[in-house]
Amino acid sequence: MAVALTRDVPGLYLFDGATEFAGPRGILWAVWHWPALRRAMKDTAGYVAHRLWYGFPYTIGLVTWWKDEAAAYRFARTPAHIAFWSFAARGPTTRGGWLAHYRLVRGGPLWGNGVRAMTRRFGEFAPPETNSPPRKAPEPKR
């Protein structure tokens, strides 16, 4: 039995992806088109947050969080996202990439003061904030 990738199961979903560009031309194209992609992502119903990262010399990655799996796939079908994929797939502008998909099954309370922006965004998916460090992990049984 096949399971649809766009089922509307509430929760917190994380998509982690990156593209290794073949050189500066690809990086410059991505930088130029980033504002449209970011706007499309933030305008998609179910968007929670994102973090952009860079790996020397030519890798750009994006970690995104969504309220349900279907929201991420709605974003994937936007013209801005399709333009990115089309650019990456045509010609020698990229060397490769990946996409990983995770769903939060369980987690503990959020804590600390160094991640306030993310604590606010993820608050509805986790128990209330405690402002105290997590307990020490139990020792493995031998």
N, C-alpha and C. Protein backbone atom coordinates (compact mmCIF):
# COMPACT_ATOMS: atom_id res chain seq x y z
N MET A 1 0.84 -1.18 0.00
CA MET A 1 0.00 0.00 0.00
C MET A 1 0.89 1.24 0.00
N ALA A 2 0.72 2.09 -0.97
CA ALA A 2 1.50 3.32 -1.08
C ALA A 2 0.91 4.40 -0.18
N VAL A 3 1.78 5.18 0.42
CA VAL A 3 1.35 6.30 1.27
C VAL A 3 1.63 7.59 0.52
N ALA A 4 0.65 8.45 0.44
CA ALA A 4 0.82 9.72 -0.27
C ALA A 4 1.82 10.60 0.47
N LEU A 5 2.67 11.27 -0.27
CA LEU A 5 3.64 12.17 0.34
C LEU A 5 3.03 13.47 0.80
N THR A 6 1.81 13.72 0.43
CA THR A 6 1.20 15.00 0.78
C THR A 6 0.10 14.86 1.82
N ARG A 7 0.11 13.83 2.60
CA ARG A 7 -0.93 13.69 3.61
C ARG A 7 -0.77 14.79 4.66
N ASP A 8 -1.87 15.18 5.21
CA ASP A 8 -1.91 16.32 6.12
C ASP A 8 -1.83 15.82 7.56
N VAL A 9 -0.67 15.35 8.00
CA VAL A 9 -0.48 14.88 9.37
C VAL A 9 0.18 16.01 10.14
N PRO A 10 -0.53 16.62 11.11
CA PRO A 10 0.06 17.74 11.84
C PRO A 10 1.28 17.33 12.64
N GLY A 11 2.15 18.25 12.86
CA GLY A 11 3.37 18.02 13.62
C GLY A 11 4.43 18.97 13.11
N LEU A 12 5.66 18.75 13.49
CA LEU A 12 6.75 19.56 13.01
C LEU A 12 7.58 18.73 12.04
N TYR A 13 7.75 19.23 10.84
CA TYR A 13 8.51 18.54 9.81
C TYR A 13 9.73 19.36 9.45
N LEU A 14 10.86 18.70 9.30
CA LEU A 14 12.10 19.36 8.94
C LEU A 14 12.56 18.80 7.59
N PHE A 15 12.89 19.70 6.69
CA PHE A 15 13.48 19.32 5.41
C PHE A 15 14.86 19.95 5.35
N ASP A 16 15.87 19.13 5.12
CA ASP A 16 17.25 19.58 5.06
C ASP A 16 17.78 19.26 3.67
N GLY A 17 18.22 20.28 2.95
CA GLY A 17 18.73 20.03 1.62
C GLY A 17 19.89 20.94 1.30
N ALA A 18 20.66 20.56 0.30
CA ALA A 18 21.80 21.37 -0.12
C ALA A 18 22.11 21.08 -1.57
N THR A 19 22.73 22.05 -2.19
CA THR A 19 23.20 21.91 -3.57
C THR A 19 24.67 22.30 -3.61
N GLU A 20 25.48 21.46 -4.25
CA GLU A 20 26.87 21.82 -4.50
C GLU A 20 26.93 22.37 -5.92
N PHE A 21 27.23 23.65 -6.04
CA PHE A 21 27.32 24.29 -7.34
C PHE A 21 28.69 24.00 -7.95
N ALA A 22 28.76 24.10 -9.28
CA ALA A 22 29.99 23.79 -9.98
C ALA A 22 30.97 24.96 -10.01
N GLY A 23 30.53 26.13 -9.56
CA GLY A 23 31.43 27.28 -9.57
C GLY A 23 30.69 28.54 -9.19
N PRO A 24 31.36 29.68 -9.32
CA PRO A 24 30.77 30.94 -8.89
C PRO A 24 29.51 31.33 -9.67
N ARG A 25 29.41 30.95 -10.93
CA ARG A 25 28.23 31.31 -11.72
C ARG A 25 26.95 30.78 -11.06
N GLY A 26 26.97 29.53 -10.63
CA GLY A 26 25.81 28.94 -9.98
C GLY A 26 25.48 29.62 -8.65
N ILE A 27 26.51 29.91 -7.87
CA ILE A 27 26.31 30.60 -6.59
C ILE A 27 25.67 31.97 -6.83
N LEU A 28 26.19 32.70 -7.81
CA LEU A 28 25.64 34.03 -8.10
C LEU A 28 24.19 33.94 -8.55
N TRP A 29 23.86 32.93 -9.36
CA TRP A 29 22.47 32.75 -9.80
C TRP A 29 21.58 32.52 -8.57
N ALA A 30 22.02 31.65 -7.67
CA ALA A 30 21.23 31.34 -6.47
C ALA A 30 21.06 32.57 -5.58
N VAL A 31 22.10 33.34 -5.40
CA VAL A 31 22.01 34.56 -4.58
C VAL A 31 21.03 35.54 -5.21
N TRP A 32 21.07 35.69 -6.51
CA TRP A 32 20.19 36.62 -7.22
C TRP A 32 18.72 36.20 -7.08
N HIS A 33 18.45 34.89 -7.11
CA HIS A 33 17.08 34.39 -7.07
C HIS A 33 16.59 34.05 -5.65
N TRP A 34 17.46 34.14 -4.65
CA TRP A 34 17.09 33.81 -3.28
C TRP A 34 15.91 34.62 -2.75
N PRO A 35 15.83 35.94 -2.97
CA PRO A 35 14.69 36.69 -2.42
C PRO A 35 13.33 36.14 -2.87
N ALA A 36 13.20 35.74 -4.13
CA ALA A 36 11.93 35.19 -4.61
C ALA A 36 11.64 33.84 -3.96
N LEU A 37 12.68 33.02 -3.79
CA LEU A 37 12.48 31.71 -3.15
C LEU A 37 12.07 31.90 -1.69
N ARG A 38 12.76 32.78 -1.00
CA ARG A 38 12.43 33.04 0.42
C ARG A 38 11.01 33.57 0.57
N ARG A 39 10.61 34.48 -0.30
CA ARG A 39 9.25 35.03 -0.26
C ARG A 39 8.22 33.92 -0.49
N ALA A 40 8.46 33.07 -1.48
CA ALA A 40 7.52 31.96 -1.76
C ALA A 40 7.43 31.01 -0.57
N MET A 41 8.57 30.74 0.05
CA MET A 41 8.60 29.83 1.20
C MET A 41 7.81 30.42 2.36
N LYS A 42 8.07 31.68 2.70
CA LYS A 42 7.41 32.30 3.84
C LYS A 42 5.92 32.53 3.59
N ASP A 43 5.52 32.66 2.31
CA ASP A 43 4.11 32.86 1.97
C ASP A 43 3.32 31.56 1.91
N THR A 44 4.00 30.42 1.96
CA THR A 44 3.31 29.13 1.90
C THR A 44 2.67 28.83 3.25
N ALA A 45 1.37 28.53 3.22
CA ALA A 45 0.67 28.16 4.46
C ALA A 45 1.36 26.94 5.09
N GLY A 46 1.64 27.03 6.39
CA GLY A 46 2.29 25.93 7.09
C GLY A 46 3.78 26.13 7.29
N TYR A 47 4.34 27.21 6.75
CA TYR A 47 5.75 27.52 6.96
C TYR A 47 5.97 27.89 8.43
N VAL A 48 7.06 27.39 9.03
CA VAL A 48 7.41 27.72 10.41
C VAL A 48 8.69 28.55 10.46
N ALA A 49 9.77 28.05 9.89
CA ALA A 49 11.05 28.75 9.96
C ALA A 49 12.02 28.14 8.96
N HIS A 50 13.16 28.84 8.79
CA HIS A 50 14.22 28.30 7.93
C HIS A 50 15.58 28.81 8.40
N ARG A 51 16.61 28.10 8.00
CA ARG A 51 17.99 28.52 8.23
C ARG A 51 18.76 28.19 6.96
N LEU A 52 19.46 29.18 6.44
CA LEU A 52 20.29 29.04 5.26
C LEU A 52 21.72 28.82 5.72
N TRP A 53 22.47 27.95 5.06
CA TRP A 53 23.86 27.75 5.43
C TRP A 53 24.73 27.64 4.18
N TYR A 54 26.02 27.86 4.37
CA TYR A 54 26.99 27.85 3.28
C TYR A 54 28.14 26.95 3.65
N GLY A 55 28.61 26.15 2.70
CA GLY A 55 29.79 25.32 2.87
C GLY A 55 30.80 25.65 1.78
N PHE A 56 32.00 25.98 2.19
CA PHE A 56 33.04 26.36 1.24
C PHE A 56 33.40 25.18 0.34
N PRO A 57 33.61 25.37 -0.94
CA PRO A 57 33.57 26.62 -1.65
C PRO A 57 32.23 26.92 -2.34
N TYR A 58 31.45 25.89 -2.68
CA TYR A 58 30.28 26.16 -3.53
C TYR A 58 28.99 25.46 -3.08
N THR A 59 28.84 25.19 -1.81
CA THR A 59 27.64 24.51 -1.34
C THR A 59 26.74 25.47 -0.58
N ILE A 60 25.47 25.46 -0.93
CA ILE A 60 24.46 26.24 -0.21
C ILE A 60 23.39 25.26 0.24
N GLY A 61 23.04 25.35 1.52
CA GLY A 61 22.02 24.47 2.08
C GLY A 61 20.89 25.25 2.71
N LEU A 62 19.78 24.58 2.85
CA LEU A 62 18.60 25.20 3.44
C LEU A 62 17.90 24.17 4.33
N VAL A 63 17.71 24.54 5.59
CA VAL A 63 16.94 23.72 6.53
C VAL A 63 15.63 24.46 6.73
N THR A 64 14.51 23.76 6.53
CA THR A 64 13.20 24.39 6.69
C THR A 64 12.34 23.55 7.63
N TRP A 65 11.44 24.23 8.35
CA TRP A 65 10.50 23.57 9.24
C TRP A 65 9.09 23.92 8.80
N TRP A 66 8.19 22.93 8.88
CA TRP A 66 6.81 23.08 8.39
C TRP A 66 5.84 22.47 9.39
N LYS A 67 4.59 23.00 9.40
CA LYS A 67 3.56 22.50 10.32
C LYS A 67 2.99 21.16 9.90
N ASP A 68 3.11 20.82 8.64
CA ASP A 68 2.69 19.50 8.17
C ASP A 68 3.45 19.19 6.89
N GLU A 69 3.47 17.94 6.55
CA GLU A 69 4.21 17.48 5.38
C GLU A 69 3.67 18.11 4.09
N ALA A 70 2.36 18.25 4.00
CA ALA A 70 1.74 18.80 2.80
C ALA A 70 2.21 20.23 2.53
N ALA A 71 2.47 21.01 3.58
CA ALA A 71 2.92 22.39 3.40
C ALA A 71 4.25 22.43 2.66
N ALA A 72 5.17 21.57 3.04
CA ALA A 72 6.48 21.54 2.37
C ALA A 72 6.32 21.20 0.89
N TYR A 73 5.42 20.30 0.60
CA TYR A 73 5.22 19.93 -0.80
C TYR A 73 4.45 20.99 -1.57
N ARG A 74 3.62 21.77 -0.89
CA ARG A 74 3.00 22.92 -1.57
C ARG A 74 4.07 23.92 -1.97
N PHE A 75 5.01 24.17 -1.08
CA PHE A 75 6.13 25.07 -1.40
C PHE A 75 6.95 24.51 -2.56
N ALA A 76 7.18 23.21 -2.57
CA ALA A 76 7.99 22.61 -3.63
C ALA A 76 7.38 22.83 -5.01
N ARG A 77 6.08 23.06 -5.06
CA ARG A 77 5.40 23.27 -6.35
C ARG A 77 5.28 24.74 -6.74
N THR A 78 5.86 25.65 -5.96
CA THR A 78 5.78 27.07 -6.31
C THR A 78 6.72 27.36 -7.48
N PRO A 79 6.39 28.36 -8.28
CA PRO A 79 7.25 28.72 -9.41
C PRO A 79 8.70 29.04 -9.00
N ALA A 80 8.89 29.70 -7.87
CA ALA A 80 10.25 30.04 -7.43
C ALA A 80 11.07 28.79 -7.13
N HIS A 81 10.46 27.80 -6.49
CA HIS A 81 11.18 26.58 -6.17
C HIS A 81 11.44 25.76 -7.43
N ILE A 82 10.47 25.70 -8.31
CA ILE A 82 10.65 24.98 -9.57
C ILE A 82 11.77 25.62 -10.39
N ALA A 83 11.87 26.95 -10.35
CA ALA A 83 12.96 27.64 -11.06
C ALA A 83 14.32 27.21 -10.52
N PHE A 84 14.44 27.06 -9.18
CA PHE A 84 15.70 26.60 -8.60
C PHE A 84 16.04 25.19 -9.06
N TRP A 85 15.06 24.30 -9.01
CA TRP A 85 15.31 22.92 -9.42
C TRP A 85 15.63 22.83 -10.90
N SER A 86 14.95 23.62 -11.71
CA SER A 86 15.21 23.61 -13.15
C SER A 86 16.63 24.08 -13.45
N PHE A 87 17.08 25.12 -12.76
CA PHE A 87 18.43 25.61 -12.94
C PHE A 87 19.44 24.54 -12.54
N ALA A 88 19.20 23.89 -11.40
CA ALA A 88 20.14 22.88 -10.91
C ALA A 88 20.21 21.66 -11.84
N ALA A 89 19.09 21.34 -12.48
CA ALA A 89 19.03 20.14 -13.31
C ALA A 89 19.55 20.35 -14.73
N ARG A 90 19.64 21.59 -15.16
CA ARG A 90 20.04 21.82 -16.56
C ARG A 90 21.52 22.20 -16.63
N GLY A 91 22.21 21.54 -17.49
CA GLY A 91 23.60 21.90 -17.75
C GLY A 91 24.54 21.63 -16.60
N PRO A 92 25.76 22.09 -16.75
CA PRO A 92 26.82 21.78 -15.77
C PRO A 92 26.93 22.82 -14.64
N THR A 93 25.81 23.30 -14.13
CA THR A 93 25.86 24.33 -13.10
C THR A 93 25.98 23.77 -11.68
N THR A 94 25.64 22.50 -11.51
CA THR A 94 25.72 21.88 -10.18
C THR A 94 26.43 20.54 -10.27
N ARG A 95 26.92 20.10 -9.13
CA ARG A 95 27.59 18.79 -9.05
C ARG A 95 26.74 17.76 -8.33
N GLY A 96 25.75 18.21 -7.57
CA GLY A 96 24.92 17.28 -6.84
C GLY A 96 24.23 17.97 -5.68
N GLY A 97 23.45 17.18 -4.96
CA GLY A 97 22.74 17.73 -3.82
C GLY A 97 22.03 16.63 -3.06
N TRP A 98 21.31 17.02 -2.03
CA TRP A 98 20.52 16.06 -1.27
C TRP A 98 19.30 16.73 -0.67
N LEU A 99 18.37 15.90 -0.27
CA LEU A 99 17.21 16.36 0.48
C LEU A 99 16.87 15.28 1.49
N ALA A 100 16.79 15.66 2.76
CA ALA A 100 16.39 14.74 3.83
C ALA A 100 15.14 15.30 4.48
N HIS A 101 14.28 14.42 4.93
CA HIS A 101 12.96 14.78 5.46
C HIS A 101 12.78 14.08 6.80
N TYR A 102 12.43 14.86 7.83
CA TYR A 102 12.26 14.32 9.18
C TYR A 102 10.93 14.81 9.76
N ARG A 103 10.36 14.01 10.65
CA ARG A 103 9.15 14.41 11.37
C ARG A 103 9.41 14.27 12.86
N LEU A 104 9.07 15.31 13.63
CA LEU A 104 9.24 15.24 15.08
C LEU A 104 8.22 14.26 15.65
N VAL A 105 8.72 13.23 16.31
CA VAL A 105 7.84 12.24 16.93
C VAL A 105 7.67 12.55 18.41
N ARG A 106 8.75 12.90 19.07
CA ARG A 106 8.66 13.31 20.47
C ARG A 106 9.88 14.17 20.78
N GLY A 107 9.75 14.98 21.78
CA GLY A 107 10.85 15.86 22.18
C GLY A 107 10.57 16.42 23.54
N GLY A 108 11.59 17.00 24.12
CA GLY A 108 11.44 17.57 25.45
C GLY A 108 11.17 19.05 25.38
N PRO A 109 11.08 19.68 26.54
CA PRO A 109 10.84 21.12 26.58
C PRO A 109 12.01 21.89 25.97
N LEU A 110 11.72 23.07 25.47
CA LEU A 110 12.76 23.94 24.94
C LEU A 110 13.38 24.70 26.10
N TRP A 111 14.67 25.01 26.02
CA TRP A 111 15.33 25.71 27.11
C TRP A 111 16.43 26.58 26.57
N GLY A 112 16.92 27.46 27.39
CA GLY A 112 18.07 28.29 27.07
C GLY A 112 17.65 29.65 26.55
N ASN A 113 18.61 30.54 26.47
CA ASN A 113 18.31 31.87 25.99
C ASN A 113 19.02 32.21 24.70
N GLY A 114 19.77 31.28 24.11
CA GLY A 114 20.50 31.56 22.89
C GLY A 114 19.70 31.27 21.63
N VAL A 115 18.51 30.75 21.77
CA VAL A 115 17.73 30.37 20.59
C VAL A 115 16.30 30.89 20.71
N ARG A 116 16.13 32.08 21.22
CA ARG A 116 14.79 32.62 21.47
C ARG A 116 13.90 32.60 20.24
N ALA A 117 14.45 32.99 19.10
CA ALA A 117 13.62 33.05 17.88
C ALA A 117 13.08 31.66 17.55
N MET A 118 13.91 30.64 17.66
CA MET A 118 13.45 29.30 17.33
C MET A 118 12.53 28.76 18.44
N THR A 119 12.80 29.12 19.69
CA THR A 119 11.94 28.69 20.78
C THR A 119 10.52 29.21 20.57
N ARG A 120 10.40 30.46 20.14
CA ARG A 120 9.07 31.03 19.86
C ARG A 120 8.40 30.28 18.72
N ARG A 121 9.14 29.99 17.67
CA ARG A 121 8.55 29.34 16.50
C ARG A 121 8.16 27.89 16.78
N PHE A 122 8.95 27.19 17.60
CA PHE A 122 8.69 25.77 17.85
C PHE A 122 7.84 25.53 19.08
N GLY A 123 7.48 26.60 19.80
CA GLY A 123 6.75 26.47 21.05
C GLY A 123 5.48 25.65 20.96
N GLU A 124 4.75 25.76 19.86
CA GLU A 124 3.49 25.01 19.76
C GLU A 124 3.71 23.52 19.53
N PHE A 125 4.94 23.10 19.26
CA PHE A 125 5.22 21.70 18.97
C PHE A 125 5.90 20.98 20.13
N ALA A 126 6.22 21.69 21.20
CA ALA A 126 6.97 21.11 22.30
C ALA A 126 6.33 21.51 23.62
N PRO A 127 6.65 20.78 24.70
CA PRO A 127 6.16 21.18 26.02
C PRO A 127 6.66 22.58 26.37
N PRO A 128 6.06 23.22 27.36
CA PRO A 128 6.46 24.59 27.73
C PRO A 128 7.95 24.70 28.05
N GLU A 129 8.50 25.85 27.80
CA GLU A 129 9.90 26.16 28.07
C GLU A 129 10.17 26.09 29.56
N THR A 130 11.33 25.55 29.94
CA THR A 130 11.66 25.40 31.36
C THR A 130 12.75 26.36 31.83
N ASN A 131 13.56 26.88 30.91
CA ASN A 131 14.70 27.75 31.24
C ASN A 131 15.74 27.06 32.11
N SER A 132 15.73 25.74 32.12
CA SER A 132 16.79 25.02 32.82
C SER A 132 17.37 23.98 31.87
N PRO A 133 18.66 23.68 32.02
CA PRO A 133 19.28 22.74 31.09
C PRO A 133 18.63 21.35 31.18
N PRO A 134 18.78 20.56 30.13
CA PRO A 134 18.20 19.22 30.17
C PRO A 134 18.90 18.36 31.21
N ARG A 135 18.19 17.34 31.66
CA ARG A 135 18.79 16.40 32.62
C ARG A 135 19.89 15.62 31.93
N LYS A 136 20.81 15.12 32.72
CA LYS A 136 21.88 14.29 32.19
C LYS A 136 21.28 13.02 31.59
N ALA A 137 21.80 12.63 30.45
CA ALA A 137 21.32 11.41 29.81
C ALA A 137 21.67 10.21 30.69
N PRO A 138 20.77 9.21 30.74
CA PRO A 138 21.08 8.03 31.56
C PRO A 138 22.24 7.25 30.97
N GLU A 139 22.97 6.60 31.85
CA GLU A 139 24.09 5.75 31.42
C GLU A 139 23.53 4.53 30.69
N PRO A 140 24.22 4.08 29.64
CA PRO A 140 23.74 2.88 28.93
C PRO A 140 23.82 1.65 29.83
N LYS A 141 22.85 0.76 29.66
CA LYS A 141 22.85 -0.49 30.43
C LYS A 141 23.88 -1.43 29.84
N ARG A 142 24.57 -2.13 30.73
CA ARG A 142 25.61 -3.06 30.26
C ARG A 142 25.18 -4.47 30.42
